[in-house]
Amino acid sequence: MTPPRTSHREKLTTGFFHSGAVVCVGGPAFTMWLTPTDEELFKRYNPELQKRSLERRYERQKEFDDFVVQLKEYSKSDKPIWIVQQEAEQKRKEERLRQDAAKSDEAKARQEAMRRESGLSSST
């Protein structure tokens, strides 16, 4: 008994399946193979950039940790994170404005006190 012959459509379908598998698996694998690691990128820096990067590493890690802590804090709210973040930014701006106003008032008071000590009038 002879085996049944495969039709042209079945061969075409099988070929498409194999081609798709090669693209779906091979594409990401090829990309991962070509992409340099962080260490390889760091070695390509010139020495000055390497030094600066190492100096700022702790600072960037601290900023990232603070950011994650803030996100965790914002996520405890029932509101969306971006709204809570906007509200917190607005509060920080208002606090900065209050501090600037207080510093300005303090500077004016010091200036007035220095004028009084020197005997100048405050109407100038």
PDB file of N, CA and C in Angstrom:
ATOM      1  N   MET A   1       0.832  -1.166   0.000  1.00  0.00           N
ATOM      2  CA  MET A   1       0.000   0.000   0.000  1.00  0.00           C
ATOM      3  C   MET A   1       0.886   1.242   0.000  1.00  0.00           C
ATOM      4  N   THR A   2       0.587   2.190  -0.796  1.00  0.00           N
ATOM      5  CA  THR A   2       1.382   3.409  -0.906  1.00  0.00           C
ATOM      6  C   THR A   2       0.830   4.469   0.040  1.00  0.00           C
ATOM      7  N   PRO A   3       1.728   5.247   0.617  1.00  0.00           N
ATOM      8  CA  PRO A   3       1.252   6.305   1.521  1.00  0.00           C
ATOM      9  C   PRO A   3       0.508   7.369   0.728  1.00  0.00           C
ATOM     10  N   PRO A   4      -0.444   8.031   1.388  1.00  0.00           N
ATOM     11  CA  PRO A   4      -1.188   9.067   0.677  1.00  0.00           C
ATOM     12  C   PRO A   4      -0.278  10.251   0.341  1.00  0.00           C
ATOM     13  N   ARG A   5      -0.483  10.825  -0.809  1.00  0.00           N
ATOM     14  CA  ARG A   5       0.333  11.949  -1.254  1.00  0.00           C
ATOM     15  C   ARG A   5      -0.149  13.237  -0.577  1.00  0.00           C
ATOM     16  N   THR A   6       0.793  14.080  -0.229  1.00  0.00           N
ATOM     17  CA  THR A   6       0.400  15.355   0.376  1.00  0.00           C
ATOM     18  C   THR A   6       0.134  16.354  -0.732  1.00  0.00           C
ATOM     19  N   SER A   7      -0.882  17.130  -0.531  1.00  0.00           N
ATOM     20  CA  SER A   7      -1.251  18.096  -1.541  1.00  0.00           C
ATOM     21  C   SER A   7      -0.370  19.342  -1.444  1.00  0.00           C
ATOM     22  N   HIS A   8      -0.448  20.137  -2.472  1.00  0.00           N
ATOM     23  CA  HIS A   8       0.324  21.384  -2.515  1.00  0.00           C
ATOM     24  C   HIS A   8      -0.093  22.323  -1.369  1.00  0.00           C
ATOM     25  N   ARG A   9      -1.365  22.357  -1.052  1.00  0.00           N
ATOM     26  CA  ARG A   9      -1.880  23.221   0.019  1.00  0.00           C
ATOM     27  C   ARG A   9      -1.304  22.810   1.381  1.00  0.00           C
ATOM     28  N   GLU A  10      -1.203  21.518   1.628  1.00  0.00           N
ATOM     29  CA  GLU A  10      -0.642  21.037   2.896  1.00  0.00           C
ATOM     30  C   GLU A  10       0.832  21.382   3.001  1.00  0.00           C
ATOM     31  N   LYS A  11       1.572  21.258   1.913  1.00  0.00           N
ATOM     32  CA  LYS A  11       2.987  21.617   1.923  1.00  0.00           C
ATOM     33  C   LYS A  11       3.153  23.117   2.178  1.00  0.00           C
ATOM     34  N   LEU A  12       2.309  23.917   1.536  1.00  0.00           N
ATOM     35  CA  LEU A  12       2.364  25.357   1.707  1.00  0.00           C
ATOM     36  C   LEU A  12       2.047  25.747   3.147  1.00  0.00           C
ATOM     37  N   THR A  13       1.013  25.139   3.722  1.00  0.00           N
ATOM     38  CA  THR A  13       0.628  25.418   5.106  1.00  0.00           C
ATOM     39  C   THR A  13       1.746  25.039   6.069  1.00  0.00           C
ATOM     40  N   THR A  14       2.348  23.896   5.840  1.00  0.00           N
ATOM     41  CA  THR A  14       3.446  23.449   6.697  1.00  0.00           C
ATOM     42  C   THR A  14       4.635  24.411   6.585  1.00  0.00           C
ATOM     43  N   GLY A  15       4.917  24.850   5.376  1.00  0.00           N
ATOM     44  CA  GLY A  15       6.016  25.796   5.172  1.00  0.00           C
ATOM     45  C   GLY A  15       5.755  27.116   5.882  1.00  0.00           C
ATOM     46  N   PHE A  16       4.516  27.612   5.801  1.00  0.00           N
ATOM     47  CA  PHE A  16       4.166  28.849   6.508  1.00  0.00           C
ATOM     48  C   PHE A  16       4.315  28.674   8.016  1.00  0.00           C
ATOM     49  N   PHE A  17       3.895  27.527   8.508  1.00  0.00           N
ATOM     50  CA  PHE A  17       3.998  27.263   9.940  1.00  0.00           C
ATOM     51  C   PHE A  17       5.455  27.279  10.378  1.00  0.00           C
ATOM     52  N   HIS A  18       6.316  26.595   9.627  1.00  0.00           N
ATOM     53  CA  HIS A  18       7.736  26.551   9.983  1.00  0.00           C
ATOM     54  C   HIS A  18       8.377  27.943   9.854  1.00  0.00           C
ATOM     55  N   SER A  19       8.023  28.682   8.822  1.00  0.00           N
ATOM     56  CA  SER A  19       8.564  30.035   8.651  1.00  0.00           C
ATOM     57  C   SER A  19       8.132  30.933   9.812  1.00  0.00           C
ATOM     58  N   GLY A  20       6.871  30.839  10.208  1.00  0.00           N
ATOM     59  CA  GLY A  20       6.373  31.632  11.335  1.00  0.00           C
ATOM     60  C   GLY A  20       7.090  31.283  12.623  1.00  0.00           C
ATOM     61  N   ALA A  21       7.334  29.981  12.835  1.00  0.00           N
ATOM     62  CA  ALA A  21       8.040  29.560  14.044  1.00  0.00           C
ATOM     63  C   ALA A  21       9.459  30.104  14.054  1.00  0.00           C
ATOM     64  N   VAL A  22      10.122  30.101  12.902  1.00  0.00           N
ATOM     65  CA  VAL A  22      11.486  30.624  12.826  1.00  0.00           C
ATOM     66  C   VAL A  22      11.494  32.120  13.128  1.00  0.00           C
ATOM     67  N   VAL A  23      10.533  32.860  12.587  1.00  0.00           N
ATOM     68  CA  VAL A  23      10.484  34.298  12.818  1.00  0.00           C
ATOM     69  C   VAL A  23      10.137  34.601  14.277  1.00  0.00           C
ATOM     70  N   CYS A  24       9.146  33.895  14.834  1.00  0.00           N
ATOM     71  CA  CYS A  24       8.695  34.177  16.208  1.00  0.00           C
ATOM     72  C   CYS A  24       9.747  33.808  17.247  1.00  0.00           C
ATOM     73  N   VAL A  25      10.494  32.751  17.013  1.00  0.00           N
ATOM     74  CA  VAL A  25      11.501  32.322  17.975  1.00  0.00           C
ATOM     75  C   VAL A  25      12.859  32.933  17.627  1.00  0.00           C
ATOM     76  N   GLY A  26      13.203  32.942  16.363  1.00  0.00           N
ATOM     77  CA  GLY A  26      14.521  33.401  15.948  1.00  0.00           C
ATOM     78  C   GLY A  26      14.703  34.892  16.049  1.00  0.00           C
ATOM     79  N   GLY A  27      13.641  35.671  15.790  1.00  0.00           N
ATOM     80  CA  GLY A  27      13.762  37.122  15.852  1.00  0.00           C
ATOM     81  C   GLY A  27      14.166  37.623  17.224  1.00  0.00           C
ATOM     82  N   PRO A  28      13.402  37.289  18.265  1.00  0.00           N
ATOM     83  CA  PRO A  28      13.811  37.721  19.612  1.00  0.00           C
ATOM     84  C   PRO A  28      15.163  37.149  20.039  1.00  0.00           C
ATOM     85  N   ALA A  29      15.440  35.897  19.656  1.00  0.00           N
ATOM     86  CA  ALA A  29      16.737  35.306  20.021  1.00  0.00           C
ATOM     87  C   ALA A  29      17.872  36.073  19.348  1.00  0.00           C
ATOM     88  N   PHE A  30      17.691  36.438  18.096  1.00  0.00           N
ATOM     89  CA  PHE A  30      18.713  37.204  17.374  1.00  0.00           C
ATOM     90  C   PHE A  30      18.893  38.580  18.002  1.00  0.00           C
ATOM     91  N   THR A  31      17.794  39.216  18.396  1.00  0.00           N
ATOM     92  CA  THR A  31      17.863  40.529  19.043  1.00  0.00           C
ATOM     93  C   THR A  31      18.603  40.431  20.371  1.00  0.00           C
ATOM     94  N   MET A  32      18.302  39.408  21.159  1.00  0.00           N
ATOM     95  CA  MET A  32      18.983  39.237  22.445  1.00  0.00           C
ATOM     96  C   MET A  32      20.477  38.989  22.230  1.00  0.00           C
ATOM     97  N   TRP A  33      20.818  38.270  21.174  1.00  0.00           N
ATOM     98  CA  TRP A  33      22.216  37.967  20.888  1.00  0.00           C
ATOM     99  C   TRP A  33      22.968  39.234  20.488  1.00  0.00           C
ATOM    100  N   LEU A  34      22.308  40.147  19.759  1.00  0.00           N
ATOM    101  CA  LEU A  34      22.958  41.369  19.289  1.00  0.00           C
ATOM    102  C   LEU A  34      23.013  42.463  20.340  1.00  0.00           C
ATOM    103  N   THR A  35      22.071  42.506  21.276  1.00  0.00           N
ATOM    104  CA  THR A  35      21.997  43.581  22.254  1.00  0.00           C
ATOM    105  C   THR A  35      23.128  43.443  23.273  1.00  0.00           C
ATOM    106  N   PRO A  36      23.934  44.512  23.446  1.00  0.00           N
ATOM    107  CA  PRO A  36      25.027  44.427  24.429  1.00  0.00           C
ATOM    108  C   PRO A  36      24.491  44.494  25.853  1.00  0.00           C
ATOM    109  N   THR A  37      25.216  43.889  26.766  1.00  0.00           N
ATOM    110  CA  THR A  37      24.835  43.934  28.177  1.00  0.00           C
ATOM    111  C   THR A  37      25.226  45.293  28.757  1.00  0.00           C
ATOM    112  N   ASP A  38      24.735  45.590  29.955  1.00  0.00           N
ATOM    113  CA  ASP A  38      25.073  46.855  30.611  1.00  0.00           C
ATOM    114  C   ASP A  38      26.574  46.961  30.847  1.00  0.00           C
ATOM    115  N   GLU A  39      27.193  45.841  31.190  1.00  0.00           N
ATOM    116  CA  GLU A  39      28.629  45.844  31.452  1.00  0.00           C
ATOM    117  C   GLU A  39      29.415  46.151  30.177  1.00  0.00           C
ATOM    118  N   GLU A  40      28.995  45.583  29.041  1.00  0.00           N
ATOM    119  CA  GLU A  40      29.671  45.855  27.775  1.00  0.00           C
ATOM    120  C   GLU A  40      29.524  47.327  27.388  1.00  0.00           C
ATOM    121  N   LEU A  41      28.339  47.879  27.602  1.00  0.00           N
ATOM    122  CA  LEU A  41      28.140  49.302  27.315  1.00  0.00           C
ATOM    123  C   LEU A  41      29.024  50.173  28.198  1.00  0.00           C
ATOM    124  N   PHE A  42      29.104  49.823  29.481  1.00  0.00           N
ATOM    125  CA  PHE A  42      29.910  50.591  30.419  1.00  0.00           C
ATOM    126  C   PHE A  42      31.380  50.560  30.006  1.00  0.00           C
ATOM    127  N   LYS A  43      31.869  49.423  29.530  1.00  0.00           N
ATOM    128  CA  LYS A  43      33.266  49.323  29.105  1.00  0.00           C
ATOM    129  C   LYS A  43      33.544  50.175  27.871  1.00  0.00           C
ATOM    130  N   ARG A  44      32.522  50.462  27.068  1.00  0.00           N
ATOM    131  CA  ARG A  44      32.699  51.276  25.864  1.00  0.00           C
ATOM    132  C   ARG A  44      32.758  52.776  26.187  1.00  0.00           C
ATOM    133  N   TYR A  45      32.341  53.173  27.391  1.00  0.00           N
ATOM    134  CA  TYR A  45      32.422  54.578  27.787  1.00  0.00           C
ATOM    135  C   TYR A  45      33.879  55.004  27.820  1.00  0.00           C
ATOM    136  N   ASN A  46      34.106  56.304  27.628  1.00  0.00           N
ATOM    137  CA  ASN A  46      35.467  56.785  27.842  1.00  0.00           C
ATOM    138  C   ASN A  46      35.684  56.877  29.358  1.00  0.00           C
ATOM    139  N   PRO A  47      36.936  56.901  29.801  1.00  0.00           N
ATOM    140  CA  PRO A  47      37.219  56.843  31.248  1.00  0.00           C
ATOM    141  C   PRO A  47      36.539  57.947  32.062  1.00  0.00           C
ATOM    142  N   GLU A  48      36.407  59.140  31.483  1.00  0.00           N
ATOM    143  CA  GLU A  48      35.776  60.239  32.215  1.00  0.00           C
ATOM    144  C   GLU A  48      34.297  59.940  32.486  1.00  0.00           C
ATOM    145  N   LEU A  49      33.606  59.405  31.468  1.00  0.00           N
ATOM    146  CA  LEU A  49      32.199  59.050  31.659  1.00  0.00           C
ATOM    147  C   LEU A  49      32.049  57.898  32.650  1.00  0.00           C
ATOM    148  N   GLN A  50      32.965  56.936  32.614  1.00  0.00           N
ATOM    149  CA  GLN A  50      32.909  55.836  33.578  1.00  0.00           C
ATOM    150  C   GLN A  50      33.033  56.367  35.000  1.00  0.00           C
ATOM    151  N   LYS A  51      33.976  57.282  35.193  1.00  0.00           N
ATOM    152  CA  LYS A  51      34.191  57.854  36.523  1.00  0.00           C
ATOM    153  C   LYS A  51      32.949  58.603  36.993  1.00  0.00           C
ATOM    154  N   ARG A  52      32.380  59.437  36.105  1.00  0.00           N
ATOM    155  CA  ARG A  52      31.194  60.214  36.460  1.00  0.00           C
ATOM    156  C   ARG A  52      30.009  59.296  36.751  1.00  0.00           C
ATOM    157  N   SER A  53      29.884  58.230  35.963  1.00  0.00           N
ATOM    158  CA  SER A  53      28.779  57.292  36.167  1.00  0.00           C
ATOM    159  C   SER A  53      28.907  56.597  37.524  1.00  0.00           C
ATOM    160  N   LEU A  54      30.113  56.199  37.866  1.00  0.00           N
ATOM    161  CA  LEU A  54      30.321  55.543  39.163  1.00  0.00           C
ATOM    162  C   LEU A  54      30.061  56.499  40.315  1.00  0.00           C
ATOM    163  N   GLU A  55      30.413  57.773  40.143  1.00  0.00           N
ATOM    164  CA  GLU A  55      30.189  58.757  41.202  1.00  0.00           C
ATOM    165  C   GLU A  55      28.703  58.992  41.439  1.00  0.00           C
ATOM    166  N   ARG A  56      27.917  58.980  40.364  1.00  0.00           N
ATOM    167  CA  ARG A  56      26.491  59.285  40.480  1.00  0.00           C
ATOM    168  C   ARG A  56      25.637  58.045  40.731  1.00  0.00           C
ATOM    169  N   ARG A  57      26.231  56.862  40.781  1.00  0.00           N
ATOM    170  CA  ARG A  57      25.463  55.627  40.924  1.00  0.00           C
ATOM    171  C   ARG A  57      24.627  55.621  42.199  1.00  0.00           C
ATOM    172  N   TYR A  58      25.235  55.960  43.331  1.00  0.00           N
ATOM    173  CA  TYR A  58      24.512  55.954  44.605  1.00  0.00           C
ATOM    174  C   TYR A  58      23.351  56.947  44.565  1.00  0.00           C
ATOM    175  N   GLU A  59      23.628  58.118  43.991  1.00  0.00           N
ATOM    176  CA  GLU A  59      22.599  59.157  43.913  1.00  0.00           C
ATOM    177  C   GLU A  59      21.404  58.688  43.071  1.00  0.00           C
ATOM    178  N   ARG A  60      21.669  58.054  41.926  1.00  0.00           N
ATOM    179  CA  ARG A  60      20.586  57.566  41.070  1.00  0.00           C
ATOM    180  C   ARG A  60      19.809  56.432  41.739  1.00  0.00           C
ATOM    181  N   GLN A  61      20.520  55.550  42.449  1.00  0.00           N
ATOM    182  CA  GLN A  61      19.833  54.474  43.159  1.00  0.00           C
ATOM    183  C   GLN A  61      18.927  55.038  44.248  1.00  0.00           C
ATOM    184  N   LYS A  62      19.394  56.054  44.945  1.00  0.00           N
ATOM    185  CA  LYS A  62      18.577  56.678  45.990  1.00  0.00           C
ATOM    186  C   LYS A  62      17.349  57.338  45.382  1.00  0.00           C
ATOM    187  N   GLU A  63      17.512  58.043  44.255  1.00  0.00           N
ATOM    188  CA  GLU A  63      16.373  58.670  43.578  1.00  0.00           C
ATOM    189  C   GLU A  63      15.355  57.614  43.161  1.00  0.00           C
ATOM    190  N   PHE A  64      15.839  56.499  42.627  1.00  0.00           N
ATOM    191  CA  PHE A  64      14.928  55.443  42.201  1.00  0.00           C
ATOM    192  C   PHE A  64      14.201  54.847  43.395  1.00  0.00           C
ATOM    193  N   ASP A  65      14.919  54.608  44.489  1.00  0.00           N
ATOM    194  CA  ASP A  65      14.292  54.066  45.694  1.00  0.00           C
ATOM    195  C   ASP A  65      13.222  55.018  46.227  1.00  0.00           C
ATOM    196  N   ASP A  66      13.523  56.316  46.234  1.00  0.00           N
ATOM    197  CA  ASP A  66      12.539  57.302  46.679  1.00  0.00           C
ATOM    198  C   ASP A  66      11.309  57.282  45.773  1.00  0.00           C
ATOM    199  N   PHE A  67      11.549  57.166  44.477  1.00  0.00           N
ATOM    200  CA  PHE A  67      10.442  57.115  43.509  1.00  0.00           C
ATOM    201  C   PHE A  67       9.555  55.900  43.775  1.00  0.00           C
ATOM    202  N   VAL A  68      10.160  54.747  44.025  1.00  0.00           N
ATOM    203  CA  VAL A  68       9.385  53.529  44.285  1.00  0.00           C
ATOM    204  C   VAL A  68       8.600  53.668  45.585  1.00  0.00           C
ATOM    205  N   VAL A  69       9.217  54.259  46.600  1.00  0.00           N
ATOM    206  CA  VAL A  69       8.521  54.460  47.875  1.00  0.00           C
ATOM    207  C   VAL A  69       7.312  55.374  47.668  1.00  0.00           C
ATOM    208  N   GLN A  70       7.495  56.445  46.874  1.00  0.00           N
ATOM    209  CA  GLN A  70       6.379  57.347  46.599  1.00  0.00           C
ATOM    210  C   GLN A  70       5.270  56.630  45.838  1.00  0.00           C
ATOM    211  N   LEU A  71       5.636  55.815  44.853  1.00  0.00           N
ATOM    212  CA  LEU A  71       4.612  55.084  44.102  1.00  0.00           C
ATOM    213  C   LEU A  71       3.828  54.137  45.008  1.00  0.00           C
ATOM    214  N   LYS A  72       4.521  53.476  45.916  1.00  0.00           N
ATOM    215  CA  LYS A  72       3.830  52.586  46.850  1.00  0.00           C
ATOM    216  C   LYS A  72       2.875  53.378  47.734  1.00  0.00           C
ATOM    217  N   GLU A  73       3.319  54.550  48.153  1.00  0.00           N
ATOM    218  CA  GLU A  73       2.472  55.404  48.987  1.00  0.00           C
ATOM    219  C   GLU A  73       1.259  55.892  48.188  1.00  0.00           C
ATOM    220  N   TYR A  74       1.483  56.290  46.932  1.00  0.00           N
ATOM    221  CA  TYR A  74       0.386  56.761  46.093  1.00  0.00           C
ATOM    222  C   TYR A  74      -0.602  55.645  45.782  1.00  0.00           C
ATOM    223  N   SER A  75      -0.111  54.420  45.672  1.00  0.00           N
ATOM    224  CA  SER A  75      -0.996  53.307  45.309  1.00  0.00           C
ATOM    225  C   SER A  75      -1.937  52.925  46.447  1.00  0.00           C
ATOM    226  N   LYS A  76      -1.663  53.388  47.657  1.00  0.00           N
ATOM    227  CA  LYS A  76      -2.552  53.084  48.780  1.00  0.00           C
ATOM    228  C   LYS A  76      -3.859  53.851  48.695  1.00  0.00           C
ATOM    229  N   SER A  77      -3.875  54.924  47.909  1.00  0.00           N
ATOM    230  CA  SER A  77      -5.063  55.738  47.760  1.00  0.00           C
ATOM    231  C   SER A  77      -6.060  55.055  46.816  1.00  0.00           C
ATOM    232  N   ASP A  78      -7.331  55.437  46.939  1.00  0.00           N
ATOM    233  CA  ASP A  78      -8.363  54.908  46.055  1.00  0.00           C
ATOM    234  C   ASP A  78      -8.334  55.590  44.691  1.00  0.00           C
ATOM    235  N   LYS A  79      -7.691  56.750  44.619  1.00  0.00           N
ATOM    236  CA  LYS A  79      -7.615  57.508  43.376  1.00  0.00           C
ATOM    237  C   LYS A  79      -6.540  56.913  42.468  1.00  0.00           C
ATOM    238  N   PRO A  80      -6.610  57.227  41.165  1.00  0.00           N
ATOM    239  CA  PRO A  80      -5.524  56.800  40.266  1.00  0.00           C
ATOM    240  C   PRO A  80      -4.198  57.438  40.678  1.00  0.00           C
ATOM    241  N   ILE A  81      -3.119  56.737  40.403  1.00  0.00           N
ATOM    242  CA  ILE A  81      -1.799  57.184  40.855  1.00  0.00           C
ATOM    243  C   ILE A  81      -1.440  58.541  40.287  1.00  0.00           C
ATOM    244  N   TRP A  82      -1.746  58.786  38.998  1.00  0.00           N
ATOM    245  CA  TRP A  82      -1.350  60.053  38.394  1.00  0.00           C
ATOM    246  C   TRP A  82      -2.071  61.241  39.037  1.00  0.00           C
ATOM    247  N   ILE A  83      -3.301  61.036  39.504  1.00  0.00           N
ATOM    248  CA  ILE A  83      -4.027  62.129  40.169  1.00  0.00           C
ATOM    249  C   ILE A  83      -3.407  62.395  41.547  1.00  0.00           C
ATOM    250  N   VAL A  84      -3.101  61.342  42.275  1.00  0.00           N
ATOM    251  CA  VAL A  84      -2.469  61.498  43.593  1.00  0.00           C
ATOM    252  C   VAL A  84      -1.107  62.161  43.422  1.00  0.00           C
ATOM    253  N   GLN A  85      -0.390  61.792  42.353  1.00  0.00           N
ATOM    254  CA  GLN A  85       0.918  62.379  42.094  1.00  0.00           C
ATOM    255  C   GLN A  85       0.790  63.871  41.786  1.00  0.00           C
ATOM    256  N   GLN A  86      -0.216  64.252  41.010  1.00  0.00           N
ATOM    257  CA  GLN A  86      -0.437  65.668  40.714  1.00  0.00           C
ATOM    258  C   GLN A  86      -0.778  66.445  41.989  1.00  0.00           C
ATOM    259  N   GLU A  87      -1.611  65.855  42.827  1.00  0.00           N
ATOM    260  CA  GLU A  87      -1.965  66.519  44.081  1.00  0.00           C
ATOM    261  C   GLU A  87      -0.733  66.704  44.965  1.00  0.00           C
ATOM    262  N   ALA A  88       0.118  65.684  45.039  1.00  0.00           N
ATOM    263  CA  ALA A  88       1.327  65.789  45.861  1.00  0.00           C
ATOM    264  C   ALA A  88       2.264  66.846  45.290  1.00  0.00           C
ATOM    265  N   GLU A  89       2.374  66.913  43.966  1.00  0.00           N
ATOM    266  CA  GLU A  89       3.218  67.934  43.341  1.00  0.00           C
ATOM    267  C   GLU A  89       2.677  69.334  43.630  1.00  0.00           C
ATOM    268  N   GLN A  90       1.360  69.478  43.593  1.00  0.00           N
ATOM    269  CA  GLN A  90       0.736  70.770  43.901  1.00  0.00           C
ATOM    270  C   GLN A  90       1.026  71.172  45.349  1.00  0.00           C
ATOM    271  N   LYS A  91       0.951  70.214  46.273  1.00  0.00           N
ATOM    272  CA  LYS A  91       1.255  70.504  47.675  1.00  0.00           C
ATOM    273  C   LYS A  91       2.714  70.927  47.838  1.00  0.00           C
ATOM    274  N   ARG A  92       3.635  70.244  47.123  1.00  0.00           N
ATOM    275  CA  ARG A  92       5.050  70.610  47.206  1.00  0.00           C
ATOM    276  C   ARG A  92       5.280  72.018  46.668  1.00  0.00           C
ATOM    277  N   LYS A  93       4.599  72.386  45.575  1.00  0.00           N
ATOM    278  CA  LYS A  93       4.741  73.736  45.019  1.00  0.00           C
ATOM    279  C   LYS A  93       4.240  74.785  46.004  1.00  0.00           C
ATOM    280  N   GLU A  94       3.083  74.519  46.618  1.00  0.00           N
ATOM    281  CA  GLU A  94       2.540  75.461  47.593  1.00  0.00           C
ATOM    282  C   GLU A  94       3.474  75.610  48.784  1.00  0.00           C
ATOM    283  N   GLU A  95       4.046  74.506  49.236  1.00  0.00           N
ATOM    284  CA  GLU A  95       4.979  74.555  50.371  1.00  0.00           C
ATOM    285  C   GLU A  95       6.226  75.350  49.998  1.00  0.00           C
ATOM    286  N   ARG A  96       6.738  75.147  48.779  1.00  0.00           N
ATOM    287  CA  ARG A  96       7.895  75.917  48.321  1.00  0.00           C
ATOM    288  C   ARG A  96       7.579  77.406  48.265  1.00  0.00           C
ATOM    289  N   LEU A  97       6.381  77.748  47.787  1.00  0.00           N
ATOM    290  CA  LEU A  97       5.979  79.161  47.736  1.00  0.00           C
ATOM    291  C   LEU A  97       5.900  79.756  49.134  1.00  0.00           C
ATOM    292  N   ARG A  98       5.345  78.993  50.089  1.00  0.00           N
ATOM    293  CA  ARG A  98       5.283  79.473  51.471  1.00  0.00           C
ATOM    294  C   ARG A  98       6.682  79.687  52.039  1.00  0.00           C
ATOM    295  N   GLN A  99       7.584  78.738  51.776  1.00  0.00           N
ATOM    296  CA  GLN A  99       8.951  78.874  52.277  1.00  0.00           C
ATOM    297  C   GLN A  99       9.645  80.072  51.653  1.00  0.00           C
ATOM    298  N   ASP A 100       9.439  80.268  50.332  1.00  0.00           N
ATOM    299  CA  ASP A 100      10.046  81.420  49.669  1.00  0.00           C
ATOM    300  C   ASP A 100       9.508  82.729  50.240  1.00  0.00           C
ATOM    301  N   ALA A 101       8.206  82.770  50.504  1.00  0.00           N
ATOM    302  CA  ALA A 101       7.612  83.979  51.083  1.00  0.00           C
ATOM    303  C   ALA A 101       8.176  84.228  52.483  1.00  0.00           C
ATOM    304  N   ALA A 102       8.328  83.173  53.269  1.00  0.00           N
ATOM    305  CA  ALA A 102       8.885  83.328  54.614  1.00  0.00           C
ATOM    306  C   ALA A 102      10.325  83.817  54.545  1.00  0.00           C
ATOM    307  N   LYS A 103      11.111  83.283  53.615  1.00  0.00           N
ATOM    308  CA  LYS A 103      12.495  83.731  53.462  1.00  0.00           C
ATOM    309  C   LYS A 103      12.539  85.193  53.031  1.00  0.00           C
ATOM    310  N   SER A 104      11.644  85.575  52.139  1.00  0.00           N
ATOM    311  CA  SER A 104      11.587  86.958  51.678  1.00  0.00           C
ATOM    312  C   SER A 104      11.241  87.894  52.831  1.00  0.00           C
ATOM    313  N   ASP A 105      10.252  87.515  53.632  1.00  0.00           N
ATOM    314  CA  ASP A 105       9.879  88.332  54.794  1.00  0.00           C
ATOM    315  C   ASP A 105      11.037  88.439  55.781  1.00  0.00           C
ATOM    316  N   GLU A 106      11.731  87.332  55.978  1.00  0.00           N
ATOM    317  CA  GLU A 106      12.870  87.338  56.891  1.00  0.00           C
ATOM    318  C   GLU A 106      13.987  88.233  56.369  1.00  0.00           C
ATOM    319  N   ALA A 107      14.222  88.182  55.051  1.00  0.00           N
ATOM    320  CA  ALA A 107      15.265  89.026  54.463  1.00  0.00           C
ATOM    321  C   ALA A 107      14.886  90.502  54.589  1.00  0.00           C
ATOM    322  N   LYS A 108      13.613  90.813  54.378  1.00  0.00           N
ATOM    323  CA  LYS A 108      13.164  92.203  54.519  1.00  0.00           C
ATOM    324  C   LYS A 108      13.321  92.672  55.962  1.00  0.00           C
ATOM    325  N   ALA A 109      13.005  91.808  56.917  1.00  0.00           N
ATOM    326  CA  ALA A 109      13.135  92.168  58.329  1.00  0.00           C
ATOM    327  C   ALA A 109      14.599  92.404  58.679  1.00  0.00           C
ATOM    328  N   ARG A 110      15.498  91.566  58.174  1.00  0.00           N
ATOM    329  CA  ARG A 110      16.918  91.763  58.436  1.00  0.00           C
ATOM    330  C   ARG A 110      17.414  93.066  57.814  1.00  0.00           C
ATOM    331  N   GLN A 111      16.952  93.328  56.588  1.00  0.00           N
ATOM    332  CA  GLN A 111      17.358  94.558  55.914  1.00  0.00           C
ATOM    333  C   GLN A 111      16.868  95.784  56.688  1.00  0.00           C
ATOM    334  N   GLU A 112      15.640  95.730  57.162  1.00  0.00           N
ATOM    335  CA  GLU A 112      15.078  96.841  57.948  1.00  0.00           C
ATOM    336  C   GLU A 112      15.854  97.009  59.255  1.00  0.00           C
ATOM    337  N   ALA A 113      16.212  95.907  59.891  1.00  0.00           N
ATOM    338  CA  ALA A 113      16.973  95.984  61.140  1.00  0.00           C
ATOM    339  C   ALA A 113      18.349  96.586  60.888  1.00  0.00           C
ATOM    340  N   MET A 114      18.966  96.232  59.778  1.00  0.00           N
ATOM    341  CA  MET A 114      20.281  96.799  59.457  1.00  0.00           C
ATOM    342  C   MET A 114      20.167  98.293  59.166  1.00  0.00           C
ATOM    343  N   ARG A 115      19.072  98.715  58.524  1.00  0.00           N
ATOM    344  CA  ARG A 115      18.863 100.139  58.260  1.00  0.00           C
ATOM    345  C   ARG A 115      18.699 100.913  59.572  1.00  0.00           C
ATOM    346  N   ARG A 116      17.914 100.332  60.488  1.00  0.00           N
ATOM    347  CA  ARG A 116      17.697 101.001  61.778  1.00  0.00           C
ATOM    348  C   ARG A 116      19.003 101.115  62.543  1.00  0.00           C
ATOM    349  N   GLU A 117      19.816 100.043  62.488  1.00  0.00           N
ATOM    350  CA  GLU A 117      21.106 100.073  63.208  1.00  0.00           C
ATOM    351  C   GLU A 117      22.029 101.122  62.630  1.00  0.00           C
ATOM    352  N   SER A 118      21.994 101.289  61.316  1.00  0.00           N
ATOM    353  CA  SER A 118      22.891 102.243  60.704  1.00  0.00           C
ATOM    354  C   SER A 118      22.375 103.675  60.759  1.00  0.00           C
ATOM    355  N   GLY A 119      21.098 103.846  61.126  1.00  0.00           N
ATOM    356  CA  GLY A 119      20.532 105.164  61.294  1.00  0.00           C
ATOM    357  C   GLY A 119      19.845 105.693  60.045  1.00  0.00           C
ATOM    358  N   LEU A 120      19.708 104.847  59.023  1.00  0.00           N
ATOM    359  CA  LEU A 120      19.005 105.272  57.818  1.00  0.00           C
ATOM    360  C   LEU A 120      17.509 105.164  58.016  1.00  0.00           C
ATOM    361  N   SER A 121      16.771 105.970  57.277  1.00  0.00           N
ATOM    362  CA  SER A 121      15.309 105.908  57.406  1.00  0.00           C
ATOM    363  C   SER A 121      14.782 104.754  56.573  1.00  0.00           C
ATOM    364  N   SER A 122      13.631 104.238  56.935  1.00  0.00           N
ATOM    365  CA  SER A 122      13.066 103.077  56.230  1.00  0.00           C
ATOM    366  C   SER A 122      12.232 103.497  55.032  1.00  0.00           C
ATOM    367  N   SER A 123      12.140 104.792  54.743  1.00  0.00           N
ATOM    368  CA  SER A 123      11.302 105.259  53.641  1.00  0.00           C
ATOM    369  C   SER A 123      12.073 105.337  52.320  1.00  0.00           C
ATOM    370  N   THR A 124      13.324 104.937  52.255  1.00  0.00           N
ATOM    371  CA  THR A 124      14.090 105.019  51.023  1.00  0.00           C
ATOM    372  C   THR A 124      13.858 103.875  50.109  1.00  0.00           C
TER     373      THR A 124
END
